Structures are given as structure tokens and as C-alpha cells.
Amino acid sequence: ETYKKYYCGLCHDLKRYGGFATHA
């Protein structure tokens, strides 16, 4: 669960650069 939360947190923060960034 902790790992999933960090994974989703990275996705959340990538969106600051635009939706395209989540593909990174």
C-alpha cells in the first residue's frame, strides 16, 4: 500500500508539467 501511494504520488506530481508527463 505504501509503494502504491508513492507510485500514485509520482503520477500526481508529474501532472504539474502537463498530462503528457505522466507517460514518463
mmCIF file of all heavy atoms, coordinates in Angstrom:
data_MODEL
# 
_entry.id   MODEL 
# 
loop_
_atom_site.group_PDB 
_atom_site.id 
_atom_site.type_symbol 
_atom_site.label_atom_id 
_atom_site.label_alt_id 
_atom_site.label_comp_id 
_atom_site.label_asym_id 
_atom_site.label_entity_id 
_atom_site.label_seq_id 
_atom_site.pdbx_PDB_ins_code 
_atom_site.Cartn_x 
_atom_site.Cartn_y 
_atom_site.Cartn_z 
_atom_site.occupancy 
_atom_site.B_iso_or_equiv 
_atom_site.pdbx_formal_charge 
_atom_site.auth_seq_id 
_atom_site.auth_comp_id 
_atom_site.auth_asym_id 
_atom_site.auth_atom_id 
_atom_site.pdbx_PDB_model_num 
ATOM 1   N N   . GLU A 1 1  ? 0.829  -1.206 0.000   1.00 0.00 ? 1  GLU A N   1 
ATOM 2   C CA  . GLU A 1 1  ? 0.000  0.000  0.000   1.00 0.00 ? 1  GLU A CA  1 
ATOM 3   C C   . GLU A 1 1  ? 0.863  1.257  0.000   1.00 0.00 ? 1  GLU A C   1 
ATOM 4   O O   . GLU A 1 1  ? 0.558  2.232  -0.693  1.00 0.00 ? 1  GLU A O   1 
ATOM 5   C CB  . GLU A 1 1  ? -0.943 0.000  1.205   1.00 0.00 ? 1  GLU A CB  1 
ATOM 6   C CG  . GLU A 1 1  ? -2.074 -1.007 1.097   1.00 0.00 ? 1  GLU A CG  1 
ATOM 7   C CD  . GLU A 1 1  ? -2.906 -0.811 -0.173  1.00 0.00 ? 1  GLU A CD  1 
ATOM 8   O OE1 . GLU A 1 1  ? -3.300 0.350  -0.450  1.00 0.00 ? 1  GLU A OE1 1 
ATOM 9   O OE2 . GLU A 1 1  ? -3.138 -1.802 -0.893  1.00 0.00 ? 1  GLU A OE2 1 
ATOM 10  N N   . THR A 1 2  ? 1.941  1.241  0.787   1.00 0.00 ? 2  THR A N   1 
ATOM 11  C CA  . THR A 1 2  ? 2.864  2.386  0.806   1.00 0.00 ? 2  THR A CA  1 
ATOM 12  C C   . THR A 1 2  ? 3.482  2.600  -0.567  1.00 0.00 ? 2  THR A C   1 
ATOM 13  O O   . THR A 1 2  ? 3.557  3.731  -1.066  1.00 0.00 ? 2  THR A O   1 
ATOM 14  C CB  . THR A 1 2  ? 3.985  2.171  1.845   1.00 0.00 ? 2  THR A CB  1 
ATOM 15  O OG1 . THR A 1 2  ? 3.407  2.096  3.146   1.00 0.00 ? 2  THR A OG1 1 
ATOM 16  C CG2 . THR A 1 2  ? 4.995  3.310  1.811   1.00 0.00 ? 2  THR A CG2 1 
ATOM 17  N N   . TYR A 1 3  ? 3.919  1.508  -1.190  1.00 0.00 ? 3  TYR A N   1 
ATOM 18  C CA  . TYR A 1 3  ? 4.508  1.613  -2.528  1.00 0.00 ? 3  TYR A CA  1 
ATOM 19  C C   . TYR A 1 3  ? 3.520  2.207  -3.523  1.00 0.00 ? 3  TYR A C   1 
ATOM 20  O O   . TYR A 1 3  ? 3.864  3.087  -4.318  1.00 0.00 ? 3  TYR A O   1 
ATOM 21  C CB  . TYR A 1 3  ? 4.981  0.239  -3.005  1.00 0.00 ? 3  TYR A CB  1 
ATOM 22  C CG  . TYR A 1 3  ? 5.794  0.311  -4.274  1.00 0.00 ? 3  TYR A CG  1 
ATOM 23  C CD1 . TYR A 1 3  ? 7.172  0.518  -4.227  1.00 0.00 ? 3  TYR A CD1 1 
ATOM 24  C CD2 . TYR A 1 3  ? 5.188  0.206  -5.530  1.00 0.00 ? 3  TYR A CD2 1 
ATOM 25  C CE1 . TYR A 1 3  ? 7.918  0.612  -5.390  1.00 0.00 ? 3  TYR A CE1 1 
ATOM 26  C CE2 . TYR A 1 3  ? 5.920  0.299  -6.686  1.00 0.00 ? 3  TYR A CE2 1 
ATOM 27  C CZ  . TYR A 1 3  ? 7.281  0.505  -6.613  1.00 0.00 ? 3  TYR A CZ  1 
ATOM 28  O OH  . TYR A 1 3  ? 8.017  0.619  -7.763  1.00 0.00 ? 3  TYR A OH  1 
ATOM 29  N N   . LYS A 1 4  ? 2.279  1.733  -3.482  1.00 0.00 ? 4  LYS A N   1 
ATOM 30  C CA  . LYS A 1 4  ? 1.253  2.253  -4.384  1.00 0.00 ? 4  LYS A CA  1 
ATOM 31  C C   . LYS A 1 4  ? 1.040  3.754  -4.172  1.00 0.00 ? 4  LYS A C   1 
ATOM 32  O O   . LYS A 1 4  ? 0.854  4.508  -5.135  1.00 0.00 ? 4  LYS A O   1 
ATOM 33  C CB  . LYS A 1 4  ? -0.065 1.515  -4.162  1.00 0.00 ? 4  LYS A CB  1 
ATOM 34  C CG  . LYS A 1 4  ? -0.101 0.091  -4.688  1.00 0.00 ? 4  LYS A CG  1 
ATOM 35  C CD  . LYS A 1 4  ? -1.460 -0.549 -4.392  1.00 0.00 ? 4  LYS A CD  1 
ATOM 36  C CE  . LYS A 1 4  ? -1.558 -1.964 -4.895  1.00 0.00 ? 4  LYS A CE  1 
ATOM 37  N NZ  . LYS A 1 4  ? -2.872 -2.575 -4.532  1.00 0.00 ? 4  LYS A NZ  1 
ATOM 38  N N   . LYS A 1 5  ? 1.065  4.185  -2.914  1.00 0.00 ? 5  LYS A N   1 
ATOM 39  C CA  . LYS A 1 5  ? 0.851  5.604  -2.612  1.00 0.00 ? 5  LYS A CA  1 
ATOM 40  C C   . LYS A 1 5  ? 1.979  6.470  -3.184  1.00 0.00 ? 5  LYS A C   1 
ATOM 41  O O   . LYS A 1 5  ? 1.744  7.561  -3.699  1.00 0.00 ? 5  LYS A O   1 
ATOM 42  C CB  . LYS A 1 5  ? 0.734  5.816  -1.109  1.00 0.00 ? 5  LYS A CB  1 
ATOM 43  C CG  . LYS A 1 5  ? -0.559 5.288  -0.505  1.00 0.00 ? 5  LYS A CG  1 
ATOM 44  C CD  . LYS A 1 5  ? -0.568 5.435  1.006   1.00 0.00 ? 5  LYS A CD  1 
ATOM 45  C CE  . LYS A 1 5  ? -1.828 4.835  1.618   1.00 0.00 ? 5  LYS A CE  1 
ATOM 46  N NZ  . LYS A 1 5  ? -1.826 4.920  3.095   1.00 0.00 ? 5  LYS A NZ  1 
ATOM 47  N N   . TYR A 1 6  ? 3.208  5.974  -3.091  1.00 0.00 ? 6  TYR A N   1 
ATOM 48  C CA  . TYR A 1 6  ? 4.326  6.728  -3.676  1.00 0.00 ? 6  TYR A CA  1 
ATOM 49  C C   . TYR A 1 6  ? 4.251  6.709  -5.205  1.00 0.00 ? 6  TYR A C   1 
ATOM 50  O O   . TYR A 1 6  ? 4.556  7.712  -5.857  1.00 0.00 ? 6  TYR A O   1 
ATOM 51  C CB  . TYR A 1 6  ? 5.667  6.152  -3.199  1.00 0.00 ? 6  TYR A CB  1 
ATOM 52  C CG  . TYR A 1 6  ? 6.138  6.747  -1.900  1.00 0.00 ? 6  TYR A CG  1 
ATOM 53  C CD1 . TYR A 1 6  ? 5.824  6.147  -0.687  1.00 0.00 ? 6  TYR A CD1 1 
ATOM 54  C CD2 . TYR A 1 6  ? 6.881  7.928  -1.873  1.00 0.00 ? 6  TYR A CD2 1 
ATOM 55  C CE1 . TYR A 1 6  ? 6.246  6.697  0.522   1.00 0.00 ? 6  TYR A CE1 1 
ATOM 56  C CE2 . TYR A 1 6  ? 7.314  8.475  -0.682  1.00 0.00 ? 6  TYR A CE2 1 
ATOM 57  C CZ  . TYR A 1 6  ? 6.991  7.865  0.512   1.00 0.00 ? 6  TYR A CZ  1 
ATOM 58  O OH  . TYR A 1 6  ? 7.406  8.418  1.699   1.00 0.00 ? 6  TYR A OH  1 
ATOM 59  N N   . TYR A 1 7  ? 3.861  5.578  -5.756  1.00 0.00 ? 7  TYR A N   1 
ATOM 60  C CA  . TYR A 1 7  ? 3.702  5.480  -7.213  1.00 0.00 ? 7  TYR A CA  1 
ATOM 61  C C   . TYR A 1 7  ? 2.671  6.505  -7.695  1.00 0.00 ? 7  TYR A C   1 
ATOM 62  O O   . TYR A 1 7  ? 2.910  7.249  -8.656  1.00 0.00 ? 7  TYR A O   1 
ATOM 63  C CB  . TYR A 1 7  ? 3.268  4.060  -7.580  1.00 0.00 ? 7  TYR A CB  1 
ATOM 64  C CG  . TYR A 1 7  ? 3.168  3.799  -9.069  1.00 0.00 ? 7  TYR A CG  1 
ATOM 65  C CD1 . TYR A 1 7  ? 4.263  3.314  -9.778  1.00 0.00 ? 7  TYR A CD1 1 
ATOM 66  C CD2 . TYR A 1 7  ? 1.978  4.029  -9.757  1.00 0.00 ? 7  TYR A CD2 1 
ATOM 67  C CE1 . TYR A 1 7  ? 4.168  3.067  -11.138 1.00 0.00 ? 7  TYR A CE1 1 
ATOM 68  C CE2 . TYR A 1 7  ? 1.875  3.782  -11.116 1.00 0.00 ? 7  TYR A CE2 1 
ATOM 69  C CZ  . TYR A 1 7  ? 2.976  3.301  -11.802 1.00 0.00 ? 7  TYR A CZ  1 
ATOM 70  O OH  . TYR A 1 7  ? 2.892  3.071  -13.149 1.00 0.00 ? 7  TYR A OH  1 
ATOM 71  N N   . CYS A 1 8  ? 1.525  6.540  -7.008  1.00 0.00 ? 8  CYS A N   1 
ATOM 72  C CA  . CYS A 1 8  ? 0.476  7.495  -7.378  1.00 0.00 ? 8  CYS A CA  1 
ATOM 73  C C   . CYS A 1 8  ? 0.915  8.929  -7.086  1.00 0.00 ? 8  CYS A C   1 
ATOM 74  O O   . CYS A 1 8  ? 0.515  9.861  -7.790  1.00 0.00 ? 8  CYS A O   1 
ATOM 75  C CB  . CYS A 1 8  ? -0.816 7.173  -6.632  1.00 0.00 ? 8  CYS A CB  1 
ATOM 76  S SG  . CYS A 1 8  ? -1.599 5.636  -7.181  1.00 0.00 ? 8  CYS A SG  1 
ATOM 77  N N   . GLY A 1 9  ? 1.746  9.104  -6.068  1.00 0.00 ? 9  GLY A N   1 
ATOM 78  C CA  . GLY A 1 9  ? 2.276  10.432 -5.768  1.00 0.00 ? 9  GLY A CA  1 
ATOM 79  C C   . GLY A 1 9  ? 3.181  10.956 -6.869  1.00 0.00 ? 9  GLY A C   1 
ATOM 80  O O   . GLY A 1 9  ? 3.138  12.144 -7.219  1.00 0.00 ? 9  GLY A O   1 
ATOM 81  N N   . LEU A 1 10 ? 3.986  10.063 -7.444  1.00 0.00 ? 10 LEU A N   1 
ATOM 82  C CA  . LEU A 1 10 ? 4.822  10.454 -8.586  1.00 0.00 ? 10 LEU A CA  1 
ATOM 83  C C   . LEU A 1 10 ? 3.953  10.871 -9.757  1.00 0.00 ? 10 LEU A C   1 
ATOM 84  O O   . LEU A 1 10 ? 4.228  11.882 -10.422 1.00 0.00 ? 10 LEU A O   1 
ATOM 85  C CB  . LEU A 1 10 ? 5.722  9.291  -8.996  1.00 0.00 ? 10 LEU A CB  1 
ATOM 86  C CG  . LEU A 1 10 ? 7.172  9.268  -8.512  1.00 0.00 ? 10 LEU A CG  1 
ATOM 87  C CD1 . LEU A 1 10 ? 7.973  10.367 -9.155  1.00 0.00 ? 10 LEU A CD1 1 
ATOM 88  C CD2 . LEU A 1 10 ? 7.265  9.322  -7.015  1.00 0.00 ? 10 LEU A CD2 1 
ATOM 89  N N   . CYS A 1 11 ? 2.918  10.101 -10.020 1.00 0.00 ? 11 CYS A N   1 
ATOM 90  C CA  . CYS A 1 11 ? 1.996  10.424 -11.115 1.00 0.00 ? 11 CYS A CA  1 
ATOM 91  C C   . CYS A 1 11 ? 1.328  11.780 -10.858 1.00 0.00 ? 11 CYS A C   1 
ATOM 92  O O   . CYS A 1 11 ? 1.218  12.616 -11.761 1.00 0.00 ? 11 CYS A O   1 
ATOM 93  C CB  . CYS A 1 11 ? 0.952  9.323  -11.243 1.00 0.00 ? 11 CYS A CB  1 
ATOM 94  S SG  . CYS A 1 11 ? -0.131 9.480  -12.681 1.00 0.00 ? 11 CYS A SG  1 
ATOM 95  N N   . HIS A 1 12 ? 0.902  11.996 -9.625  1.00 0.00 ? 12 HIS A N   1 
ATOM 96  C CA  . HIS A 1 12 ? 0.277  13.261 -9.225  1.00 0.00 ? 12 HIS A CA  1 
ATOM 97  C C   . HIS A 1 12 ? 1.225  14.437 -9.486  1.00 0.00 ? 12 HIS A C   1 
ATOM 98  O O   . HIS A 1 12 ? 0.821  15.474 -10.032 1.00 0.00 ? 12 HIS A O   1 
ATOM 99  C CB  . HIS A 1 12 ? -0.089 13.198 -7.743  1.00 0.00 ? 12 HIS A CB  1 
ATOM 100 C CG  . HIS A 1 12 ? -0.533 14.497 -7.155  1.00 0.00 ? 12 HIS A CG  1 
ATOM 101 N ND1 . HIS A 1 12 ? -1.834 14.960 -7.253  1.00 0.00 ? 12 HIS A ND1 1 
ATOM 102 C CD2 . HIS A 1 12 ? 0.160  15.449 -6.463  1.00 0.00 ? 12 HIS A CD2 1 
ATOM 103 C CE1 . HIS A 1 12 ? -1.923 16.135 -6.651  1.00 0.00 ? 12 HIS A CE1 1 
ATOM 104 N NE2 . HIS A 1 12 ? -0.740 16.452 -6.165  1.00 0.00 ? 12 HIS A NE2 1 
ATOM 105 N N   . ASP A 1 13 ? 2.499  14.276 -9.109  1.00 0.00 ? 13 ASP A N   1 
ATOM 106 C CA  . ASP A 1 13 ? 3.461  15.375 -9.270  1.00 0.00 ? 13 ASP A CA  1 
ATOM 107 C C   . ASP A 1 13 ? 3.880  15.581 -10.719 1.00 0.00 ? 13 ASP A C   1 
ATOM 108 O O   . ASP A 1 13 ? 4.182  16.711 -11.127 1.00 0.00 ? 13 ASP A O   1 
ATOM 109 C CB  . ASP A 1 13 ? 4.694  15.117 -8.390  1.00 0.00 ? 13 ASP A CB  1 
ATOM 110 C CG  . ASP A 1 13 ? 4.381  15.282 -6.911  1.00 0.00 ? 13 ASP A CG  1 
ATOM 111 O OD1 . ASP A 1 13 ? 3.475  16.063 -6.578  1.00 0.00 ? 13 ASP A OD1 1 
ATOM 112 O OD2 . ASP A 1 13 ? 5.037  14.631 -6.078  1.00 0.00 ? 13 ASP A OD2 1 
ATOM 113 N N   . LEU A 1 14 ? 3.900  14.511 -11.494 1.00 0.00 ? 14 LEU A N   1 
ATOM 114 C CA  . LEU A 1 14 ? 4.231  14.654 -12.915 1.00 0.00 ? 14 LEU A CA  1 
ATOM 115 C C   . LEU A 1 14 ? 3.199  15.499 -13.644 1.00 0.00 ? 14 LEU A C   1 
ATOM 116 O O   . LEU A 1 14 ? 3.532  16.218 -14.594 1.00 0.00 ? 14 LEU A O   1 
ATOM 117 C CB  . LEU A 1 14 ? 4.333  13.275 -13.570 1.00 0.00 ? 14 LEU A CB  1 
ATOM 118 C CG  . LEU A 1 14 ? 5.639  12.511 -13.337 1.00 0.00 ? 14 LEU A CG  1 
ATOM 119 C CD1 . LEU A 1 14 ? 5.480  11.045 -13.708 1.00 0.00 ? 14 LEU A CD1 1 
ATOM 120 C CD2 . LEU A 1 14 ? 6.794  13.139 -14.116 1.00 0.00 ? 14 LEU A CD2 1 
ATOM 121 N N   . LYS A 1 15 ? 1.943  15.436 -13.195 1.00 0.00 ? 15 LYS A N   1 
ATOM 122 C CA  . LYS A 1 15 ? 0.878  16.195 -13.850 1.00 0.00 ? 15 LYS A CA  1 
ATOM 123 C C   . LYS A 1 15 ? 1.080  17.702 -13.737 1.00 0.00 ? 15 LYS A C   1 
ATOM 124 O O   . LYS A 1 15 ? 0.440  18.460 -14.478 1.00 0.00 ? 15 LYS A O   1 
ATOM 125 C CB  . LYS A 1 15 ? -0.486 15.791 -13.274 1.00 0.00 ? 15 LYS A CB  1 
ATOM 126 C CG  . LYS A 1 15 ? -0.969 14.436 -13.784 1.00 0.00 ? 15 LYS A CG  1 
ATOM 127 C CD  . LYS A 1 15 ? -2.370 14.106 -13.327 1.00 0.00 ? 15 LYS A CD  1 
ATOM 128 C CE  . LYS A 1 15 ? -2.426 13.731 -11.869 1.00 0.00 ? 15 LYS A CE  1 
ATOM 129 N NZ  . LYS A 1 15 ? -3.733 13.166 -11.470 1.00 0.00 ? 15 LYS A NZ  1 
ATOM 130 N N   . ARG A 1 16 ? 1.969  18.133 -12.846 1.00 0.00 ? 16 ARG A N   1 
ATOM 131 C CA  . ARG A 1 16 ? 2.284  19.566 -12.752 1.00 0.00 ? 16 ARG A CA  1 
ATOM 132 C C   . ARG A 1 16 ? 2.869  20.079 -14.072 1.00 0.00 ? 16 ARG A C   1 
ATOM 133 O O   . ARG A 1 16 ? 2.777  21.264 -14.388 1.00 0.00 ? 16 ARG A O   1 
ATOM 134 C CB  . ARG A 1 16 ? 3.300  19.838 -11.638 1.00 0.00 ? 16 ARG A CB  1 
ATOM 135 C CG  . ARG A 1 16 ? 2.795  19.572 -10.226 1.00 0.00 ? 16 ARG A CG  1 
ATOM 136 C CD  . ARG A 1 16 ? 3.883  19.861 -9.219  1.00 0.00 ? 16 ARG A CD  1 
ATOM 137 N NE  . ARG A 1 16 ? 5.069  19.079 -9.493  1.00 0.00 ? 16 ARG A NE  1 
ATOM 138 C CZ  . ARG A 1 16 ? 6.309  19.520 -9.343  1.00 0.00 ? 16 ARG A CZ  1 
ATOM 139 N NH1 . ARG A 1 16 ? 6.530  20.755 -8.962  1.00 0.00 ? 16 ARG A NH1 1 
ATOM 140 N NH2 . ARG A 1 16 ? 7.338  18.741 -9.592  1.00 0.00 ? 16 ARG A NH2 1 
ATOM 141 N N   . TYR A 1 17 ? 3.501  19.172 -14.811 1.00 0.00 ? 17 TYR A N   1 
ATOM 142 C CA  . TYR A 1 17 ? 4.135  19.560 -16.070 1.00 0.00 ? 17 TYR A CA  1 
ATOM 143 C C   . TYR A 1 17 ? 3.194  19.397 -17.265 1.00 0.00 ? 17 TYR A C   1 
ATOM 144 O O   . TYR A 1 17 ? 3.557  19.738 -18.391 1.00 0.00 ? 17 TYR A O   1 
ATOM 145 C CB  . TYR A 1 17 ? 5.395  18.716 -16.296 1.00 0.00 ? 17 TYR A CB  1 
ATOM 146 C CG  . TYR A 1 17 ? 6.414  18.881 -15.205 1.00 0.00 ? 17 TYR A CG  1 
ATOM 147 C CD1 . TYR A 1 17 ? 6.658  17.860 -14.288 1.00 0.00 ? 17 TYR A CD1 1 
ATOM 148 C CD2 . TYR A 1 17 ? 7.141  20.055 -15.067 1.00 0.00 ? 17 TYR A CD2 1 
ATOM 149 C CE1 . TYR A 1 17 ? 7.599  18.004 -13.279 1.00 0.00 ? 17 TYR A CE1 1 
ATOM 150 C CE2 . TYR A 1 17 ? 8.081  20.211 -14.067 1.00 0.00 ? 17 TYR A CE2 1 
ATOM 151 C CZ  . TYR A 1 17 ? 8.307  19.174 -13.174 1.00 0.00 ? 17 TYR A CZ  1 
ATOM 152 O OH  . TYR A 1 17 ? 9.232  19.325 -12.164 1.00 0.00 ? 17 TYR A OH  1 
ATOM 153 N N   . GLY A 1 18 ? 2.019  18.857 -17.017 1.00 0.00 ? 18 GLY A N   1 
ATOM 154 C CA  . GLY A 1 18 ? 1.052  18.606 -18.090 1.00 0.00 ? 18 GLY A CA  1 
ATOM 155 C C   . GLY A 1 18 ? 0.690  17.134 -18.131 1.00 0.00 ? 18 GLY A C   1 
ATOM 156 O O   . GLY A 1 18 ? 1.466  16.273 -17.690 1.00 0.00 ? 18 GLY A O   1 
ATOM 157 N N   . GLY A 1 19 ? -0.479 16.828 -18.654 1.00 0.00 ? 19 GLY A N   1 
ATOM 158 C CA  . GLY A 1 19 ? -0.944 15.452 -18.689 1.00 0.00 ? 19 GLY A CA  1 
ATOM 159 C C   . GLY A 1 19 ? 0.006  14.510 -19.412 1.00 0.00 ? 19 GLY A C   1 
ATOM 160 O O   . GLY A 1 19 ? 0.118  13.334 -19.049 1.00 0.00 ? 19 GLY A O   1 
ATOM 161 N N   . PHE A 1 20 ? 0.713  15.005 -20.414 1.00 0.00 ? 20 PHE A N   1 
ATOM 162 C CA  . PHE A 1 20 ? 1.627  14.165 -21.185 1.00 0.00 ? 20 PHE A CA  1 
ATOM 163 C C   . PHE A 1 20 ? 2.738  13.587 -20.312 1.00 0.00 ? 20 PHE A C   1 
ATOM 164 O O   . PHE A 1 20 ? 3.274  12.506 -20.588 1.00 0.00 ? 20 PHE A O   1 
ATOM 165 C CB  . PHE A 1 20 ? 2.270  14.991 -22.323 1.00 0.00 ? 20 PHE A CB  1 
ATOM 166 C CG  . PHE A 1 20 ? 3.404  15.858 -21.871 1.00 0.00 ? 20 PHE A CG  1 
ATOM 167 C CD1 . PHE A 1 20 ? 4.727  15.434 -21.997 1.00 0.00 ? 20 PHE A CD1 1 
ATOM 168 C CD2 . PHE A 1 20 ? 3.167  17.100 -21.293 1.00 0.00 ? 20 PHE A CD2 1 
ATOM 169 C CE1 . PHE A 1 20 ? 5.777  16.231 -21.567 1.00 0.00 ? 20 PHE A CE1 1 
ATOM 170 C CE2 . PHE A 1 20 ? 4.203  17.906 -20.863 1.00 0.00 ? 20 PHE A CE2 1 
ATOM 171 C CZ  . PHE A 1 20 ? 5.514  17.467 -21.007 1.00 0.00 ? 20 PHE A CZ  1 
ATOM 172 N N   . ALA A 1 21 ? 3.089  14.322 -19.246 1.00 0.00 ? 21 ALA A N   1 
ATOM 173 C CA  . ALA A 1 21 ? 4.240  13.948 -18.427 1.00 0.00 ? 21 ALA A CA  1 
ATOM 174 C C   . ALA A 1 21 ? 4.030  12.651 -17.665 1.00 0.00 ? 21 ALA A C   1 
ATOM 175 O O   . ALA A 1 21 ? 4.998  11.984 -17.279 1.00 0.00 ? 21 ALA A O   1 
ATOM 176 C CB  . ALA A 1 21 ? 4.572  15.076 -17.454 1.00 0.00 ? 21 ALA A CB  1 
ATOM 177 N N   . THR A 1 22 ? 2.778  12.245 -17.443 1.00 0.00 ? 22 THR A N   1 
ATOM 178 C CA  . THR A 1 22 ? 2.532  11.008 -16.703 1.00 0.00 ? 22 THR A CA  1 
ATOM 179 C C   . THR A 1 22 ? 3.056  9.788  -17.461 1.00 0.00 ? 22 THR A C   1 
ATOM 180 O O   . THR A 1 22 ? 3.289  8.739  -16.856 1.00 0.00 ? 22 THR A O   1 
ATOM 181 C CB  . THR A 1 22 ? 1.025  10.826 -16.417 1.00 0.00 ? 22 THR A CB  1 
ATOM 182 O OG1 . THR A 1 22 ? 0.299  10.800 -17.646 1.00 0.00 ? 22 THR A OG1 1 
ATOM 183 C CG2 . THR A 1 22 ? 0.505  11.961 -15.536 1.00 0.00 ? 22 THR A CG2 1 
ATOM 184 N N   . HIS A 1 23 ? 3.267  9.932  -18.764 1.00 0.00 ? 23 HIS A N   1 
ATOM 185 C CA  . HIS A 1 23 ? 3.818  8.823  -19.546 1.00 0.00 ? 23 HIS A CA  1 
ATOM 186 C C   . HIS A 1 23 ? 5.291  8.571  -19.207 1.00 0.00 ? 23 HIS A C   1 
ATOM 187 O O   . HIS A 1 23 ? 5.854  7.559  -19.622 1.00 0.00 ? 23 HIS A O   1 
ATOM 188 C CB  . HIS A 1 23 ? 3.669  9.100  -21.038 1.00 0.00 ? 23 HIS A CB  1 
ATOM 189 C CG  . HIS A 1 23 ? 2.244  9.167  -21.494 1.00 0.00 ? 23 HIS A CG  1 
ATOM 190 N ND1 . HIS A 1 23 ? 1.423  8.061  -21.575 1.00 0.00 ? 23 HIS A ND1 1 
ATOM 191 C CD2 . HIS A 1 23 ? 1.462  10.217 -21.862 1.00 0.00 ? 23 HIS A CD2 1 
ATOM 192 C CE1 . HIS A 1 23 ? 0.223  8.412  -21.987 1.00 0.00 ? 23 HIS A CE1 1 
ATOM 193 N NE2 . HIS A 1 23 ? 0.213  9.714  -22.168 1.00 0.00 ? 23 HIS A NE2 1 
ATOM 194 N N   . ALA A 1 24 ? 5.899  9.494  -18.455 1.00 0.00 ? 24 ALA A N   1 
ATOM 195 C CA  . ALA A 1 24 ? 7.299  9.327  -18.058 1.00 0.00 ? 24 ALA A CA  1 
ATOM 196 C C   . ALA A 1 24 ? 7.447  8.502  -16.789 1.00 0.00 ? 24 ALA A C   1 
ATOM 197 O O   . ALA A 1 24 ? 8.555  8.136  -16.408 1.00 0.00 ? 24 ALA A O   1 
ATOM 198 C CB  . ALA A 1 24 ? 7.947  10.708 -17.843 1.00 0.00 ? 24 ALA A CB  1 
# 
